[in-house]
Structure formats: C-alpha cells, structure tokens
Amino acid sequence: MRSGTGTTGRWRQQRWPSWRRRADGSSGGAGKTRPEAAWQAERGYSVRAIDTSPGMIRRATERLEPYSGWSAEVMDALDLQYGDNEFDAAFSVFGVVFFGPGMAKALTEMVRVVRPGGVVSVVNWASPMGAPFFLPVARAIDRLDDPEVGKFVAPLTEYLERLELGRALIDVGCVDVRSEGVEGVFAIPNAETFMDELDPIFRILPRYRAAVAKAPSCFRRDGRRMQTKRRG
C-alpha cells in the first residue's frame, strides 16, 4: 500500500514526478519562490515535472536546466501518461486541491503511478485565503466596490481541512496517512512590481480578471497601495 503525508521530505528513493495543474494559462512558480521540482533535482533526485500550462513548463525547464535526470512536459494530472508503479513518490504542491470534483481522480492517478510502499504527498494552504499575497488583491477588489466585479472570494472555495484531505488520501488507497503543519518564509515582490510580477497567479481569480478588465489602471494602483500598507 502507499503511505500518504501532508508534507514532503526525507525521501530515500531516487525517482518521482512533481506537478501543479492550472485551469487557465497562468504560470505557477511566478515570483521568487523556487519550484518543488527544482528543489528535488538540486538534491540529485530524478524528476518528472508536469503541468497543463506550456508557460509553466517553460518556466520549469529554465529552472531545471542546471540539473540532470529530469523532464518537464505538458500533461494533465487527471490522465498521467506513466505506467503503473513507475515512481517511488509523487506529490502535488498546491495543485490537486484546486481540482474540485476532479481531485479524487487526480489522487487516484498519483497512487496508480507510485509503487506499493511508495509515498504520495499533497500540500495545501493552511487557510482558504491561501498565500498572503492574495490579501492586498482582496482589499483592492473590495475597495473597487463595483457590482459587475463583485466582492473578493477566497481562492480555495472548496478548501479541505487536514482531516478531510487525509480522508481523501485514505479513500484512494493510501495507508499510514499523516498531516503536519509547515511554515515557510518566502519573498513577496515590492509594492512597485507586486501586481505585475504576480499577475499570472492572480489571474486564477475570476474577480481579479474582471477588475483588471473594468478598471486596469485604477485597480492596479490600488493593489500596489494595499501591498504598501500590508508591509508597513
């Protein structure tokens, strides 16, 4: 059977896939955080990174270039083009938890490609808001106060608590499921470049796209101002 965990690390085997899937064309890994695939490759693991976004794959390729034993290709996590029991571990960082009703299928695919006794790992945000950089955007959207745009809605509208995520892993065949809280420090762009640098990520939010289309200059200026206040 496969074990499940809410964190990554302490791997002893040498080969696994890594992926994040986006519903639109945004590029995960924007900003200054390092993709999980590069973290693995740097430590000598063989990595198969996938995403449905060609832009994300280009970015992953750039960051994986210094290493060996990796591949990065466009692929849907709901239909993995790998054989059964092919990997020692598979994990999704802020990925399959966004799939809604499709999450069970994605988890089933992860389990299928991992050998018995391997590891399946899923990382989720600690709250429905997700990353802290969504807060300035939330305030800017609400300050816009436009009925056609609406009020901000937390990114993780189908957020799963730890116990629910653990149950989902058990339901697809994982055993020894554990959940751990993890804290990390990562850089957020300064107020001057905040909106532009993180625009590909923010575009997963329908109300963000609506606000940019309705009042691009005003909304972006307000977003930068909210980021300045957050840092102050």
C-alpha atoms as a PDB file:
ATOM      1  CA  MET A   1       0.000   0.000   0.000  1.00  0.00           C
ATOM      2  CA  ARG A   2       1.016   3.620  -0.389  1.00  0.00           C
ATOM      3  CA  SER A   3       1.595   5.932   2.516  1.00  0.00           C
ATOM      4  CA  GLY A   4       0.220   9.455   2.462  1.00  0.00           C
ATOM      5  CA  THR A   5       1.531  12.607   4.054  1.00  0.00           C
ATOM      6  CA  GLY A   6       0.784  16.309   4.032  1.00  0.00           C
ATOM      7  CA  THR A   7       4.424  17.312   3.731  1.00  0.00           C
ATOM      8  CA  THR A   8       7.447  16.467   1.641  1.00  0.00           C
ATOM      9  CA  GLY A   9      10.972  15.438   2.609  1.00  0.00           C
ATOM     10  CA  ARG A  10      13.082  12.602   3.948  1.00  0.00           C
ATOM     11  CA  TRP A  11      12.874  10.669   0.684  1.00  0.00           C
ATOM     12  CA  ARG A  12      15.272   7.736   0.264  1.00  0.00           C
ATOM     13  CA  GLN A  13      14.385   6.684  -3.275  1.00  0.00           C
ATOM     14  CA  GLN A  14      15.572   8.363  -6.451  1.00  0.00           C
ATOM     15  CA  ARG A  15      12.680   8.974  -8.827  1.00  0.00           C
ATOM     16  CA  TRP A  16       9.289  10.653  -8.749  1.00  0.00           C
ATOM     17  CA  PRO A  17       7.042  13.071 -10.645  1.00  0.00           C
ATOM     18  CA  SER A  18       6.051  16.536  -9.485  1.00  0.00           C
ATOM     19  CA  TRP A  19       3.207  18.622 -10.822  1.00  0.00           C
ATOM     20  CA  ARG A  20       0.897  21.601 -10.409  1.00  0.00           C
ATOM     21  CA  ARG A  21      -2.084  21.975 -12.700  1.00  0.00           C
ATOM     22  CA  ARG A  22      -3.759  25.313 -13.558  1.00  0.00           C
ATOM     23  CA  ALA A  23      -7.202  25.670 -15.025  1.00  0.00           C
ATOM     24  CA  ASP A  24      -6.136  28.718 -17.044  1.00  0.00           C
ATOM     25  CA  GLY A  25      -2.859  29.740 -18.656  1.00  0.00           C
ATOM     26  CA  SER A  26      -1.217  31.149 -15.555  1.00  0.00           C
ATOM     27  CA  SER A  27       2.323  30.101 -14.691  1.00  0.00           C
ATOM     28  CA  GLY A  28       2.722  28.545 -11.261  1.00  0.00           C
ATOM     29  CA  GLY A  29       6.047  29.356  -9.677  1.00  0.00           C
ATOM     30  CA  ALA A  30       5.933  33.032 -10.617  1.00  0.00           C
ATOM     31  CA  GLY A  31       7.614  35.427  -8.247  1.00  0.00           C
ATOM     32  CA  LYS A  32      10.682  34.419  -6.298  1.00  0.00           C
ATOM     33  CA  THR A  33       9.757  31.044  -4.853  1.00  0.00           C
ATOM     34  CA  ARG A  34      11.633  28.004  -6.207  1.00  0.00           C
ATOM     35  CA  PRO A  35       9.501  25.249  -7.771  1.00  0.00           C
ATOM     36  CA  GLU A  36       9.435  21.998  -5.865  1.00  0.00           C
ATOM     37  CA  ALA A  37      10.764  20.152  -8.907  1.00  0.00           C
ATOM     38  CA  ALA A  38      13.970  22.217  -8.863  1.00  0.00           C
ATOM     39  CA  TRP A  39      14.331  21.603  -5.124  1.00  0.00           C
ATOM     40  CA  GLN A  40      14.267  17.863  -5.795  1.00  0.00           C
ATOM     41  CA  ALA A  41      16.583  17.963  -8.806  1.00  0.00           C
ATOM     42  CA  GLU A  42      19.125  20.005  -6.867  1.00  0.00           C
ATOM     43  CA  ARG A  43      19.329  17.167  -4.372  1.00  0.00           C
ATOM     44  CA  GLY A  44      20.036  14.582  -7.038  1.00  0.00           C
ATOM     45  CA  TYR A  45      16.583  13.064  -7.483  1.00  0.00           C
ATOM     46  CA  SER A  46      15.228  12.143 -10.903  1.00  0.00           C
ATOM     47  CA  VAL A  47      12.211  14.385 -11.547  1.00  0.00           C
ATOM     48  CA  ARG A  48       9.295  14.278 -13.980  1.00  0.00           C
ATOM     49  CA  ALA A  49       7.564  17.666 -13.803  1.00  0.00           C
ATOM     50  CA  ILE A  50       4.196  18.190 -15.494  1.00  0.00           C
ATOM     51  CA  ASP A  51       1.640  20.946 -15.926  1.00  0.00           C
ATOM     52  CA  THR A  52      -1.220  21.693 -18.315  1.00  0.00           C
ATOM     53  CA  SER A  53       0.244  25.146 -18.992  1.00  0.00           C
ATOM     54  CA  PRO A  54       3.023  25.466 -21.630  1.00  0.00           C
ATOM     55  CA  GLY A  55       4.110  28.673 -19.864  1.00  0.00           C
ATOM     56  CA  MET A  56       4.569  26.794 -16.609  1.00  0.00           C
ATOM     57  CA  ILE A  57       6.572  24.092 -18.376  1.00  0.00           C
ATOM     58  CA  ARG A  58       8.851  26.705 -19.963  1.00  0.00           C
ATOM     59  CA  ARG A  59       9.498  28.194 -16.536  1.00  0.00           C
ATOM     60  CA  ALA A  60      10.126  24.764 -15.016  1.00  0.00           C
ATOM     61  CA  THR A  61      12.525  23.927 -17.852  1.00  0.00           C
ATOM     62  CA  GLU A  62      14.511  27.105 -17.201  1.00  0.00           C
ATOM     63  CA  ARG A  63      14.857  26.310 -13.520  1.00  0.00           C
ATOM     64  CA  LEU A  64      15.679  22.642 -14.043  1.00  0.00           C
ATOM     65  CA  GLU A  65      18.264  23.307 -16.750  1.00  0.00           C
ATOM     66  CA  PRO A  66      21.300  23.251 -14.404  1.00  0.00           C
ATOM     67  CA  TYR A  67      20.480  19.722 -13.238  1.00  0.00           C
ATOM     68  CA  SER A  68      20.369  16.257 -14.784  1.00  0.00           C
ATOM     69  CA  GLY A  69      17.870  13.387 -14.745  1.00  0.00           C
ATOM     70  CA  TRP A  70      14.702  15.420 -15.242  1.00  0.00           C
ATOM     71  CA  SER A  71      11.949  16.066 -17.767  1.00  0.00           C
ATOM     72  CA  ALA A  72       9.223  18.720 -17.963  1.00  0.00           C
ATOM     73  CA  GLU A  73       6.225  18.284 -20.239  1.00  0.00           C
ATOM     74  CA  VAL A  74       2.640  19.353 -20.753  1.00  0.00           C
ATOM     75  CA  MET A  75       0.391  16.716 -19.205  1.00  0.00           C
ATOM     76  CA  ASP A  76      -2.901  16.571 -17.327  1.00  0.00           C
ATOM     77  CA  ALA A  77      -2.717  15.214 -13.768  1.00  0.00           C
ATOM     78  CA  LEU A  78      -6.126  13.650 -14.388  1.00  0.00           C
ATOM     79  CA  ASP A  79      -4.604  11.430 -17.086  1.00  0.00           C
ATOM     80  CA  LEU A  80      -0.963  10.706 -16.272  1.00  0.00           C
ATOM     81  CA  GLN A  81       0.945   9.205 -19.192  1.00  0.00           C
ATOM     82  CA  TYR A  82       3.039   6.948 -16.939  1.00  0.00           C
ATOM     83  CA  GLY A  83       2.916   3.254 -16.221  1.00  0.00           C
ATOM     84  CA  ASP A  84       1.644   1.657 -13.033  1.00  0.00           C
ATOM     85  CA  ASN A  85       4.094   1.576 -10.090  1.00  0.00           C
ATOM     86  CA  GLU A  86       6.629   3.636 -12.054  1.00  0.00           C
ATOM     87  CA  PHE A  87       7.724   6.041  -9.304  1.00  0.00           C
ATOM     88  CA  ASP A  88       8.889   5.894  -5.716  1.00  0.00           C
ATOM     89  CA  ALA A  89       6.903   9.008  -4.776  1.00  0.00           C
ATOM     90  CA  ALA A  90       4.510  11.530  -6.241  1.00  0.00           C
ATOM     91  CA  PHE A  91       3.451  14.835  -4.849  1.00  0.00           C
ATOM     92  CA  SER A  92       1.326  17.831  -5.669  1.00  0.00           C
ATOM     93  CA  VAL A  93       2.117  21.230  -4.160  1.00  0.00           C
ATOM     94  CA  PHE A  94      -0.965  23.493  -4.180  1.00  0.00           C
ATOM     95  CA  GLY A  95      -2.200  21.538  -7.197  1.00  0.00           C
ATOM     96  CA  VAL A  96      -4.814  18.792  -7.000  1.00  0.00           C
ATOM     97  CA  VAL A  97      -6.533  20.561  -4.083  1.00  0.00           C
ATOM     98  CA  PHE A  98      -7.804  23.061  -6.703  1.00  0.00           C
ATOM     99  CA  PHE A  99      -9.438  20.347  -8.818  1.00  0.00           C
ATOM    100  CA  GLY A 100     -12.799  20.332  -7.047  1.00  0.00           C
ATOM    101  CA  PRO A 101     -14.764  17.192  -8.017  1.00  0.00           C
ATOM    102  CA  GLY A 102     -11.753  16.031 -10.042  1.00  0.00           C
ATOM    103  CA  MET A 103      -9.473  15.781  -7.034  1.00  0.00           C
ATOM    104  CA  ALA A 104     -10.322  12.134  -6.318  1.00  0.00           C
ATOM    105  CA  LYS A 105      -9.417  11.211  -9.904  1.00  0.00           C
ATOM    106  CA  ALA A 106      -6.105  13.076  -9.662  1.00  0.00           C
ATOM    107  CA  LEU A 107      -5.248  11.388  -6.368  1.00  0.00           C
ATOM    108  CA  THR A 108      -6.142   8.024  -7.867  1.00  0.00           C
ATOM    109  CA  GLU A 109      -3.715   8.697 -10.722  1.00  0.00           C
ATOM    110  CA  MET A 110      -0.974   9.635  -8.253  1.00  0.00           C
ATOM    111  CA  VAL A 111      -1.497   6.386  -6.378  1.00  0.00           C
ATOM    112  CA  ARG A 112      -1.528   4.384  -9.599  1.00  0.00           C
ATOM    113  CA  VAL A 113       1.901   5.543 -10.757  1.00  0.00           C
ATOM    114  CA  VAL A 114       3.577   5.071  -7.343  1.00  0.00           C
ATOM    115  CA  ARG A 115       4.930   1.648  -6.411  1.00  0.00           C
ATOM    116  CA  PRO A 116       3.484  -0.181  -3.376  1.00  0.00           C
ATOM    117  CA  GLY A 117       5.245   1.158  -0.304  1.00  0.00           C
ATOM    118  CA  GLY A 118       5.958   4.488  -2.001  1.00  0.00           C
ATOM    119  CA  VAL A 119       4.843   7.946  -0.911  1.00  0.00           C
ATOM    120  CA  VAL A 120       2.005  10.175  -2.110  1.00  0.00           C
ATOM    121  CA  SER A 121       2.200  13.737  -0.785  1.00  0.00           C
ATOM    122  CA  VAL A 122      -0.234  16.629  -1.135  1.00  0.00           C
ATOM    123  CA  VAL A 123       0.444  20.147   0.139  1.00  0.00           C
ATOM    124  CA  ASN A 124      -2.406  22.549   0.813  1.00  0.00           C
ATOM    125  CA  TRP A 125      -2.606  26.067   2.224  1.00  0.00           C
ATOM    126  CA  ALA A 126      -3.329  26.463   5.930  1.00  0.00           C
ATOM    127  CA  SER A 127      -6.430  28.587   5.294  1.00  0.00           C
ATOM    128  CA  PRO A 128      -8.973  29.190   2.490  1.00  0.00           C
ATOM    129  CA  MET A 129      -7.274  32.522   1.693  1.00  0.00           C
ATOM    130  CA  GLY A 130      -4.174  30.693   0.516  1.00  0.00           C
ATOM    131  CA  ALA A 131      -0.986  32.703   0.116  1.00  0.00           C
ATOM    132  CA  PRO A 132      -0.586  36.025   1.988  1.00  0.00           C
ATOM    133  CA  PHE A 133      -0.074  37.879  -1.298  1.00  0.00           C
ATOM    134  CA  PHE A 134      -3.794  37.461  -2.030  1.00  0.00           C
ATOM    135  CA  LEU A 135      -4.689  39.847   0.811  1.00  0.00           C
ATOM    136  CA  PRO A 136      -3.767  43.131  -0.950  1.00  0.00           C
ATOM    137  CA  VAL A 137      -5.680  41.975  -4.034  1.00  0.00           C
ATOM    138  CA  ALA A 138      -8.707  41.115  -1.883  1.00  0.00           C
ATOM    139  CA  ARG A 139      -8.702  44.600  -0.378  1.00  0.00           C
ATOM    140  CA  ALA A 140      -8.275  46.249  -3.778  1.00  0.00           C
ATOM    141  CA  ILE A 141     -11.175  44.282  -5.269  1.00  0.00           C
ATOM    142  CA  ASP A 142     -13.453  45.145  -2.349  1.00  0.00           C
ATOM    143  CA  ARG A 143     -12.440  48.830  -2.471  1.00  0.00           C
ATOM    144  CA  LEU A 144     -13.361  48.909  -6.155  1.00  0.00           C
ATOM    145  CA  ASP A 145     -16.937  48.280  -4.998  1.00  0.00           C
ATOM    146  CA  ASP A 146     -18.205  47.501  -8.491  1.00  0.00           C
ATOM    147  CA  PRO A 147     -21.320  45.292  -8.705  1.00  0.00           C
ATOM    148  CA  GLU A 148     -20.125  43.886 -12.029  1.00  0.00           C
ATOM    149  CA  VAL A 149     -16.890  42.738 -10.395  1.00  0.00           C
ATOM    150  CA  GLY A 150     -18.374  41.704  -7.050  1.00  0.00           C
ATOM    151  CA  LYS A 151     -16.661  41.131  -3.732  1.00  0.00           C
ATOM    152  CA  PHE A 152     -13.486  39.113  -3.321  1.00  0.00           C
ATOM    153  CA  VAL A 153     -13.905  35.350  -2.877  1.00  0.00           C
ATOM    154  CA  ALA A 154     -11.148  33.340  -1.194  1.00  0.00           C
ATOM    155  CA  PRO A 155      -9.157  31.327  -3.776  1.00  0.00           C
ATOM    156  CA  LEU A 156      -9.792  27.989  -2.080  1.00  0.00           C
ATOM    157  CA  THR A 157     -13.570  27.930  -2.318  1.00  0.00           C
ATOM    158  CA  GLU A 158     -13.524  24.133  -1.845  1.00  0.00           C
ATOM    159  CA  TYR A 159     -10.889  24.235   0.894  1.00  0.00           C
ATOM    160  CA  LEU A 160     -10.169  20.938   2.632  1.00  0.00           C
ATOM    161  CA  GLU A 161      -9.242  20.798   6.287  1.00  0.00           C
ATOM    162  CA  ARG A 162      -6.463  18.420   7.335  1.00  0.00           C
ATOM    163  CA  LEU A 163      -8.828  15.623   8.315  1.00  0.00           C
ATOM    164  CA  GLU A 164     -10.747  15.899   5.037  1.00  0.00           C
ATOM    165  CA  LEU A 165      -7.565  15.770   2.978  1.00  0.00           C
ATOM    166  CA  GLY A 166      -6.386  12.782   4.998  1.00  0.00           C
ATOM    167  CA  ARG A 167      -9.673  11.024   4.368  1.00  0.00           C
ATOM    168  CA  ALA A 168      -9.356  11.718   0.642  1.00  0.00           C
ATOM    169  CA  LEU A 169      -5.937  10.026   0.623  1.00  0.00           C
ATOM    170  CA  ILE A 170      -7.282   7.025   2.520  1.00  0.00           C
ATOM    171  CA  ASP A 171     -10.199   6.735   0.095  1.00  0.00           C
ATOM    172  CA  VAL A 172      -7.823   6.285  -2.863  1.00  0.00           C
ATOM    173  CA  GLY A 173      -5.805   3.568  -1.141  1.00  0.00           C
ATOM    174  CA  CYS A 174      -3.164   5.291   0.983  1.00  0.00           C
ATOM    175  CA  VAL A 175      -2.249   3.985   4.433  1.00  0.00           C
ATOM    176  CA  ASP A 176      -0.260   5.474   7.295  1.00  0.00           C
ATOM    177  CA  VAL A 177      -1.656   8.911   6.419  1.00  0.00           C
ATOM    178  CA  ARG A 178      -0.094  11.757   8.394  1.00  0.00           C
ATOM    179  CA  SER A 179      -0.655  15.505   8.361  1.00  0.00           C
ATOM    180  CA  GLU A 180       1.835  18.123   9.503  1.00  0.00           C
ATOM    181  CA  GLY A 181       1.803  21.908   9.611  1.00  0.00           C
ATOM    182  CA  VAL A 182       4.677  23.587   7.787  1.00  0.00           C
ATOM    183  CA  GLU A 183       5.754  27.211   7.991  1.00  0.00           C
ATOM    184  CA  GLY A 184       7.919  28.832   5.360  1.00  0.00           C
ATOM    185  CA  VAL A 185       9.354  32.231   4.584  1.00  0.00           C
ATOM    186  CA  PHE A 186       9.270  33.455   1.002  1.00  0.00           C
ATOM    187  CA  ALA A 187       9.868  36.795  -0.646  1.00  0.00           C
ATOM    188  CA  ILE A 188       6.960  38.876  -1.928  1.00  0.00           C
ATOM    189  CA  PRO A 189       7.690  41.477  -4.632  1.00  0.00           C
ATOM    190  CA  ASN A 190       7.848  45.085  -3.505  1.00  0.00           C
ATOM    191  CA  ALA A 191       4.888  47.399  -3.975  1.00  0.00           C
ATOM    192  CA  GLU A 192       6.190  48.821  -7.277  1.00  0.00           C
ATOM    193  CA  THR A 193       6.303  45.435  -9.050  1.00  0.00           C
ATOM    194  CA  PHE A 194       3.822  43.476  -6.917  1.00  0.00           C
ATOM    195  CA  MET A 195       0.849  43.492  -9.280  1.00  0.00           C
ATOM    196  CA  ASP A 196       2.847  42.908 -12.454  1.00  0.00           C
ATOM    197  CA  GLU A 197       5.054  40.101 -11.112  1.00  0.00           C
ATOM    198  CA  LEU A 198       2.213  38.119  -9.590  1.00  0.00           C
ATOM    199  CA  ASP A 199      -0.357  38.833 -12.298  1.00  0.00           C
ATOM    200  CA  PRO A 200      -0.125  35.262 -13.752  1.00  0.00           C
ATOM    201  CA  ILE A 201      -1.059  33.828 -10.346  1.00  0.00           C
ATOM    202  CA  PHE A 202      -3.787  36.362  -9.607  1.00  0.00           C
ATOM    203  CA  ARG A 203      -5.461  35.531 -12.907  1.00  0.00           C
ATOM    204  CA  ILE A 204      -6.767  32.277 -11.452  1.00  0.00           C
ATOM    205  CA  LEU A 205      -9.287  34.556  -9.665  1.00  0.00           C
ATOM    206  CA  PRO A 206     -12.350  35.440 -11.811  1.00  0.00           C
ATOM    207  CA  ARG A 207     -12.942  38.684  -9.891  1.00  0.00           C
ATOM    208  CA  TYR A 208      -9.345  39.749 -10.387  1.00  0.00           C
ATOM    209  CA  ARG A 209      -9.708  39.268 -14.137  1.00  0.00           C
ATOM    210  CA  ALA A 210     -12.970  41.230 -14.062  1.00  0.00           C
ATOM    211  CA  ALA A 211     -11.399  44.077 -12.063  1.00  0.00           C
ATOM    212  CA  VAL A 212      -8.414  44.341 -14.411  1.00  0.00           C
ATOM    213  CA  ALA A 213     -10.732  44.399 -17.425  1.00  0.00           C
ATOM    214  CA  LYS A 214     -13.046  47.019 -15.865  1.00  0.00           C
ATOM    215  CA  ALA A 215     -10.540  49.492 -14.420  1.00  0.00           C
ATOM    216  CA  PRO A 216      -6.971  48.336 -15.109  1.00  0.00           C
ATOM    217  CA  SER A 217      -5.008  51.437 -14.089  1.00  0.00           C
ATOM    218  CA  CYS A 218      -7.084  52.281 -11.035  1.00  0.00           C
ATOM    219  CA  PHE A 219      -7.241  48.702  -9.785  1.00  0.00           C
ATOM    220  CA  ARG A 220      -3.521  48.025 -10.209  1.00  0.00           C
ATOM    221  CA  ARG A 221      -2.638  51.303  -8.496  1.00  0.00           C
ATOM    222  CA  ASP A 222      -4.908  50.422  -5.587  1.00  0.00           C
ATOM    223  CA  GLY A 223      -3.405  46.937  -5.375  1.00  0.00           C
ATOM    224  CA  ARG A 224       0.086  48.396  -5.088  1.00  0.00           C
ATOM    225  CA  ARG A 225      -1.147  50.764  -2.387  1.00  0.00           C
ATOM    226  CA  MET A 226      -2.703  47.892  -0.433  1.00  0.00           C
ATOM    227  CA  GLN A 227       0.594  45.981  -0.657  1.00  0.00           C
ATOM    228  CA  THR A 228       2.438  49.032   0.714  1.00  0.00           C
ATOM    229  CA  LYS A 229       0.032  49.182   3.682  1.00  0.00           C
ATOM    230  CA  ARG A 230       0.414  45.457   4.311  1.00  0.00           C
ATOM    231  CA  ARG A 231       4.178  45.795   4.541  1.00  0.00           C
ATOM    232  CA  GLY A 232       4.019  48.927   6.643  1.00  0.00           C
END
